[in-house]
Amino acid sequence: MDFRMKKFLPILLALFLFLPGPVFAQSVVDVSVTNGLDDVNHHLTPIHVFSTGFGFVQAGDFASNQYDWESGIRFLNIPIDQGGTISSAFLKLQAQGFWGTGWKTLVKGQDVDTACAVSDHTLCYDAVARTSNTVVWNPTVWTADVVYTSPDLVLIIQEIIDRPGWVSGNDLGLFWTDGQGAGWQTQKALRGDSFEGTGAPPELIITWIPIPPVTPTSIFEGWIAFVGNGLAILIVAFVCGIFLWLVKAPPLMMLICGWLSLLLLFTLGIISPAIVLIALVAFIGAIFFKIVLGTGESA
């Protein structure tokens, strides 16, 4: 095998083995409650009591005549596409007060396409379906004015986003509920600020990855999209390498050919910007080794 080819093959292998597959940027959605009617309370006395405008959200058993406290929280206009991949999701509450110790609370979601107004007690709060996924949130400390973050709610949010009727811009609802069990148990309750409180209102932070668009305009593009970026780079590098080896082109021509090929693939949407940058570094490395080691080649 010609010495030129012996040097070029390891570079091809490096490109194929170490370049990553498709890279899709994560997006972060950070929303807070912006209306006092979107964070409300419900408890038993033992009859149902529903309230808004108290300036707090609460979960737990407060007293033998006020128990099973839970709060409904609605976040408006969530810009996440249906079927997007949820990487993480966290509810943040600013502590206002507590009773007892060893608190047990749960977080659930509204299992609907777009969350209804939790201030509508009859038609929404009591009647709305709740997600099959539930997350346990048992804080060990709850200091006033400190903002606390829930465990990851990724399964709850993913369940809602995966609904066939979900579209970007829909509203999303959560419930923060008593985790001790139905009925009066013992005094264990947590209270956080609401929109009408003096502190920060409830906040939801979601990190997600959009579904990559697959819109091939030719058989070639569709095939490349299927087999992945690594093979696309390998083919481009191999074709360029064979051509340049046959014509014994100078190093600058190798760089230009490879870089323009990658730009073409990037323009067609076949590879991501990160791969273009990594490949550029690899090509520059190839040029360096060709210049440094290329002298004294045998024919």
Protein backbone atom coordinates (compact mmCIF):
# COMPACT_ATOMS: atom_id res chain seq x y z
CA MET A 1 0.00 0.00 0.00
CA ASP A 2 1.30 3.44 -0.88
CA PHE A 3 2.72 5.41 2.05
CA ARG A 4 0.20 8.17 1.41
CA MET A 5 -2.68 5.75 1.93
CA LYS A 6 -1.09 4.24 5.04
CA LYS A 7 -1.06 7.67 6.62
CA PHE A 8 -4.57 8.59 5.55
CA LEU A 9 -6.36 5.45 6.78
CA PRO A 10 -5.71 6.09 10.52
CA ILE A 11 -7.14 9.58 10.09
CA LEU A 12 -10.29 8.10 8.50
CA LEU A 13 -10.60 5.64 11.36
CA ALA A 14 -10.22 8.39 13.94
CA LEU A 15 -12.94 10.42 12.28
CA PHE A 16 -15.34 7.48 12.21
CA LEU A 17 -14.70 6.24 15.76
CA PHE A 18 -14.46 9.46 17.72
CA LEU A 19 -16.92 11.82 16.08
CA PRO A 20 -20.23 11.78 17.98
CA GLY A 21 -23.63 11.08 16.50
CA PRO A 22 -26.27 13.77 16.06
CA VAL A 23 -26.04 16.53 18.67
CA PHE A 24 -29.32 18.25 19.55
CA ALA A 25 -29.31 21.27 21.85
CA GLN A 26 -31.33 21.18 25.06
CA SER A 27 -33.79 23.95 25.79
CA VAL A 28 -34.78 25.25 29.22
CA VAL A 29 -38.30 26.39 30.08
CA ASP A 30 -38.52 28.49 33.26
CA VAL A 31 -42.05 29.60 34.20
CA SER A 32 -43.64 30.96 37.36
CA VAL A 33 -47.23 31.39 38.46
CA THR A 34 -48.44 34.82 37.34
CA ASN A 35 -52.00 34.85 38.68
CA GLY A 36 -53.47 34.30 42.12
CA LEU A 37 -56.10 32.00 40.62
CA ASP A 38 -53.40 29.59 39.40
CA ASP A 39 -52.23 28.43 42.84
CA VAL A 40 -55.06 27.42 45.17
CA ASN A 41 -55.71 25.28 48.27
CA HIS A 42 -58.05 22.45 49.13
CA HIS A 43 -58.54 20.55 52.41
CA LEU A 44 -61.08 18.66 54.52
CA THR A 45 -62.71 19.87 57.74
CA PRO A 46 -64.01 17.00 57.21
CA ILE A 47 -66.15 18.66 54.51
CA HIS A 48 -64.39 19.95 51.40
CA VAL A 49 -63.02 23.46 51.73
CA PHE A 50 -61.62 25.24 48.68
CA SER A 51 -59.82 28.56 48.90
CA THR A 52 -57.89 31.10 46.85
CA GLY A 53 -56.14 34.31 47.76
CA PHE A 54 -54.65 33.10 51.05
CA GLY A 55 -51.10 33.86 49.92
CA PHE A 56 -49.77 30.32 50.32
CA VAL A 57 -49.75 26.77 48.98
CA GLN A 58 -49.84 23.94 51.49
CA ALA A 59 -49.61 20.15 51.75
CA GLY A 60 -50.14 17.84 54.73
CA ASP A 61 -52.33 17.51 57.83
CA PHE A 62 -52.60 20.78 59.76
CA ALA A 63 -55.08 19.78 62.49
CA SER A 64 -57.79 17.23 63.22
CA ASN A 65 -60.32 19.65 61.75
CA GLN A 66 -58.09 20.72 58.84
CA TYR A 67 -56.40 17.82 57.08
CA ASP A 68 -55.53 16.42 53.66
CA TRP A 69 -54.30 19.83 52.56
CA GLU A 70 -53.22 19.97 48.95
CA SER A 71 -52.55 22.69 46.41
CA GLY A 72 -53.22 23.01 42.70
CA ILE A 73 -50.68 24.95 40.64
CA ARG A 74 -51.07 25.87 36.98
CA PHE A 75 -48.26 27.10 34.71
CA LEU A 76 -49.32 28.87 31.53
CA ASN A 77 -48.05 28.68 27.95
CA ILE A 78 -45.43 25.92 28.13
CA PRO A 79 -43.35 26.09 24.89
CA ILE A 80 -42.55 22.38 24.57
CA ASP A 81 -43.41 20.33 21.49
CA GLN A 82 -45.54 17.22 21.77
CA GLY A 83 -43.32 14.15 22.19
CA GLY A 84 -40.21 16.14 23.09
CA THR A 85 -37.75 14.38 25.40
CA ILE A 86 -37.84 15.75 28.94
CA SER A 87 -34.37 15.67 30.49
CA SER A 88 -35.35 17.05 33.90
CA ALA A 89 -38.15 18.99 35.59
CA PHE A 90 -38.24 20.63 39.01
CA LEU A 91 -40.85 22.48 41.05
CA LYS A 92 -39.45 25.26 43.23
CA LEU A 93 -41.31 26.61 46.27
CA GLN A 94 -40.27 29.30 48.72
CA ALA A 95 -40.90 28.09 52.27
CA GLN A 96 -43.33 30.07 54.41
CA GLY A 97 -43.93 27.83 57.41
CA PHE A 98 -44.33 24.29 58.74
CA TRP A 99 -45.96 22.15 61.42
CA GLY A 100 -44.53 18.94 62.84
CA THR A 101 -41.57 17.05 61.42
CA GLY A 102 -40.98 14.10 59.09
CA TRP A 103 -43.10 15.66 56.37
CA LYS A 104 -44.52 13.55 53.57
CA THR A 105 -45.81 15.14 50.40
CA LEU A 106 -46.47 14.05 46.83
CA VAL A 107 -46.44 15.77 43.45
CA LYS A 108 -48.80 14.76 40.65
CA GLY A 109 -49.89 16.35 37.38
CA GLN A 110 -53.09 17.11 35.55
CA ASP A 111 -53.43 14.32 33.01
CA VAL A 112 -55.07 16.48 30.35
CA ASP A 113 -53.98 18.09 27.09
CA THR A 114 -54.03 21.58 28.58
CA ALA A 115 -54.47 22.26 32.27
CA CYS A 116 -57.81 23.62 33.40
CA ALA A 117 -58.13 26.54 35.80
CA VAL A 118 -57.52 25.16 39.28
CA SER A 119 -59.67 27.98 40.70
CA ASP A 120 -62.69 26.19 39.19
CA HIS A 121 -63.37 23.85 42.07
CA THR A 122 -66.25 21.80 40.65
CA LEU A 123 -65.36 21.44 36.97
CA CYS A 124 -61.58 21.32 37.28
CA TYR A 125 -59.97 20.76 40.64
CA ASP A 126 -62.05 17.81 41.83
CA ALA A 127 -62.95 16.34 38.43
CA VAL A 128 -59.67 16.55 36.49
CA ALA A 129 -57.72 13.33 35.84
CA ARG A 130 -54.31 13.04 37.49
CA THR A 131 -51.15 11.48 36.10
CA SER A 132 -50.33 7.86 36.81
CA ASN A 133 -46.81 8.99 37.74
CA THR A 134 -46.33 10.41 41.23
CA VAL A 135 -43.16 11.80 42.80
CA VAL A 136 -42.48 11.64 46.54
CA TRP A 137 -41.17 14.88 48.01
CA ASN A 138 -40.20 14.58 51.68
CA PRO A 139 -38.08 17.60 52.61
CA THR A 140 -35.95 17.21 55.73
CA VAL A 141 -35.74 20.96 56.39
CA TRP A 142 -38.14 23.79 55.59
CA THR A 143 -36.76 27.17 56.60
CA ALA A 144 -38.85 30.27 55.98
CA ASP A 145 -37.88 32.34 52.91
CA VAL A 146 -35.59 29.61 51.56
CA VAL A 147 -36.45 28.29 48.09
CA TYR A 148 -36.63 24.48 47.94
CA THR A 149 -36.45 22.31 44.85
CA SER A 150 -38.50 19.16 44.40
CA PRO A 151 -37.07 15.82 43.25
CA ASP A 152 -37.00 15.34 39.49
CA LEU A 153 -40.52 15.40 38.03
CA VAL A 154 -39.37 14.16 34.63
CA LEU A 155 -41.81 11.21 34.51
CA ILE A 156 -44.81 13.39 35.34
CA ILE A 157 -43.96 16.04 32.76
CA GLN A 158 -43.08 13.44 30.11
CA GLU A 159 -46.44 11.73 30.65
CA ILE A 160 -48.24 15.03 29.99
CA ILE A 161 -46.08 16.09 27.03
CA ASP A 162 -46.56 12.67 25.40
CA ARG A 163 -50.33 13.05 25.29
CA PRO A 164 -51.56 13.02 21.66
CA GLY A 165 -53.45 16.28 22.21
CA TRP A 166 -50.59 18.21 23.76
CA VAL A 167 -49.23 21.10 21.68
CA SER A 168 -46.62 23.73 22.39
CA GLY A 169 -48.19 26.64 24.27
CA ASN A 170 -50.59 24.53 26.31
CA ASP A 171 -50.92 25.01 30.06
CA LEU A 172 -49.55 22.48 32.55
CA GLY A 173 -50.96 21.74 35.99
CA LEU A 174 -49.41 20.16 39.10
CA PHE A 175 -50.77 19.08 42.47
CA TRP A 176 -48.74 19.25 45.69
CA THR A 177 -50.55 16.92 48.07
CA ASP A 178 -50.47 15.29 51.50
CA GLY A 179 -48.43 12.08 51.44
CA GLN A 180 -49.47 10.59 54.79
CA GLY A 181 -52.62 8.96 53.48
CA ALA A 182 -56.29 9.87 53.37
CA GLY A 183 -57.89 11.30 56.50
CA TRP A 184 -56.39 12.87 59.61
CA GLN A 185 -53.07 11.25 60.57
CA THR A 186 -50.80 13.54 62.58
CA GLN A 187 -49.79 17.16 62.40
CA LYS A 188 -47.31 17.32 59.53
CA ALA A 189 -47.73 20.14 57.04
CA LEU A 190 -45.62 22.39 54.84
CA ARG A 191 -46.53 25.82 53.57
CA GLY A 192 -44.97 27.71 50.67
CA ASP A 193 -45.50 31.11 49.11
CA SER A 194 -48.05 31.59 46.35
CA PHE A 195 -48.44 34.37 43.79
CA GLU A 196 -50.41 36.43 46.33
CA GLY A 197 -47.88 35.77 49.09
CA THR A 198 -44.97 37.98 50.10
CA GLY A 199 -42.27 35.73 48.62
CA ALA A 200 -41.54 34.08 45.29
CA PRO A 201 -44.45 32.29 43.58
CA PRO A 202 -44.20 28.62 42.55
CA GLU A 203 -41.74 28.06 39.71
CA LEU A 204 -41.31 25.20 37.24
CA ILE A 205 -38.02 24.58 35.41
CA ILE A 206 -38.02 22.03 32.57
CA THR A 207 -35.04 20.98 30.47
CA TRP A 208 -36.00 19.22 27.24
CA ILE A 209 -34.73 18.12 23.84
CA PRO A 210 -36.86 18.73 20.73
CA ILE A 211 -37.61 15.88 18.35
CA PRO A 212 -35.06 16.21 15.51
CA PRO A 213 -36.72 17.08 12.21
CA VAL A 214 -36.52 14.31 9.61
CA THR A 215 -37.33 15.82 6.21
CA PRO A 216 -35.09 14.12 3.64
CA THR A 217 -35.37 15.66 0.19
CA SER A 218 -33.65 12.82 -1.63
CA ILE A 219 -32.81 9.14 -1.26
CA PHE A 220 -29.22 10.11 -0.43
CA GLU A 221 -30.24 12.46 2.39
CA GLY A 222 -32.74 9.97 3.78
CA TRP A 223 -30.13 7.22 3.83
CA ILE A 224 -27.54 9.46 5.46
CA ALA A 225 -30.04 10.53 8.13
CA PHE A 226 -30.69 6.86 8.85
CA VAL A 227 -27.14 5.59 9.17
CA GLY A 228 -25.95 8.58 11.18
CA ASN A 229 -23.36 11.28 11.11
CA GLY A 230 -20.35 9.04 11.69
CA LEU A 231 -20.77 7.15 8.42
CA ALA A 232 -21.51 10.38 6.55
CA ILE A 233 -18.20 11.83 7.68
CA LEU A 234 -16.39 8.58 6.86
CA ILE A 235 -17.76 8.53 3.29
CA VAL A 236 -16.91 12.18 2.68
CA ALA A 237 -13.41 11.81 4.10
CA PHE A 238 -12.80 8.59 2.15
CA VAL A 239 -13.92 10.05 -1.18
CA CYS A 240 -11.85 13.19 -0.64
CA GLY A 241 -8.87 11.12 0.47
CA ILE A 242 -8.94 8.79 -2.54
CA PHE A 243 -9.31 11.68 -4.96
CA LEU A 244 -6.51 13.69 -3.39
CA TRP A 245 -4.28 10.63 -3.16
CA LEU A 246 -4.77 9.87 -6.85
CA VAL A 247 -4.01 13.40 -7.99
CA LYS A 248 -1.31 13.85 -5.32
CA ALA A 249 -2.88 17.11 -4.25
CA PRO A 250 -1.16 19.43 -1.76
CA PRO A 251 -2.31 19.57 1.90
CA LEU A 252 -4.23 22.80 1.33
CA MET A 253 -6.41 21.08 -1.27
CA MET A 254 -7.19 18.30 1.23
CA LEU A 255 -8.35 20.85 3.79
CA ILE A 256 -10.49 22.74 1.28
CA CYS A 257 -12.12 19.58 -0.09
CA GLY A 258 -12.94 18.16 3.33
CA TRP A 259 -14.15 21.42 4.82
CA LEU A 260 -16.40 22.28 1.85
CA SER A 261 -17.87 18.77 1.96
CA LEU A 262 -18.69 19.14 5.63
CA LEU A 263 -20.23 22.56 5.05
CA LEU A 264 -22.41 21.01 2.37
CA LEU A 265 -23.62 18.29 4.73
CA PHE A 266 -24.25 20.91 7.43
CA THR A 267 -26.21 23.10 5.00
CA LEU A 268 -28.38 20.14 4.05
CA GLY A 269 -29.08 19.56 7.74
CA ILE A 270 -27.44 16.13 7.75
CA ILE A 271 -24.82 16.88 10.39
CA SER A 272 -24.76 19.22 13.37
CA PRO A 273 -22.52 22.29 13.95
CA ALA A 274 -20.62 20.47 16.70
CA ILE A 275 -19.54 17.75 14.27
CA VAL A 276 -18.38 20.35 11.75
CA LEU A 277 -16.17 21.97 14.38
CA ILE A 278 -14.75 18.65 15.59
CA ALA A 279 -14.10 17.53 12.02
CA LEU A 280 -12.35 20.82 11.29
CA VAL A 281 -9.96 20.17 14.15
CA ALA A 282 -9.37 16.64 12.83
CA PHE A 283 -8.65 17.91 9.32
CA ILE A 284 -6.23 20.52 10.63
CA GLY A 285 -4.51 17.74 12.54
CA ALA A 286 -4.34 15.68 9.35
CA ILE A 287 -2.76 18.58 7.49
CA PHE A 288 -0.23 19.05 10.26
CA PHE A 289 0.85 15.41 10.18
CA LYS A 290 0.96 15.42 6.39
CA ILE A 291 3.21 18.47 6.38
CA VAL A 292 5.45 17.23 9.20
CA LEU A 293 5.60 13.57 8.16
CA GLY A 294 5.01 13.94 4.45
CA THR A 295 8.59 14.64 3.48
CA GLY A 296 10.63 11.74 2.23
CA GLU A 297 7.63 9.66 1.04
CA SER A 298 8.38 6.74 -1.20
CA ALA A 299 6.61 6.49 -4.51
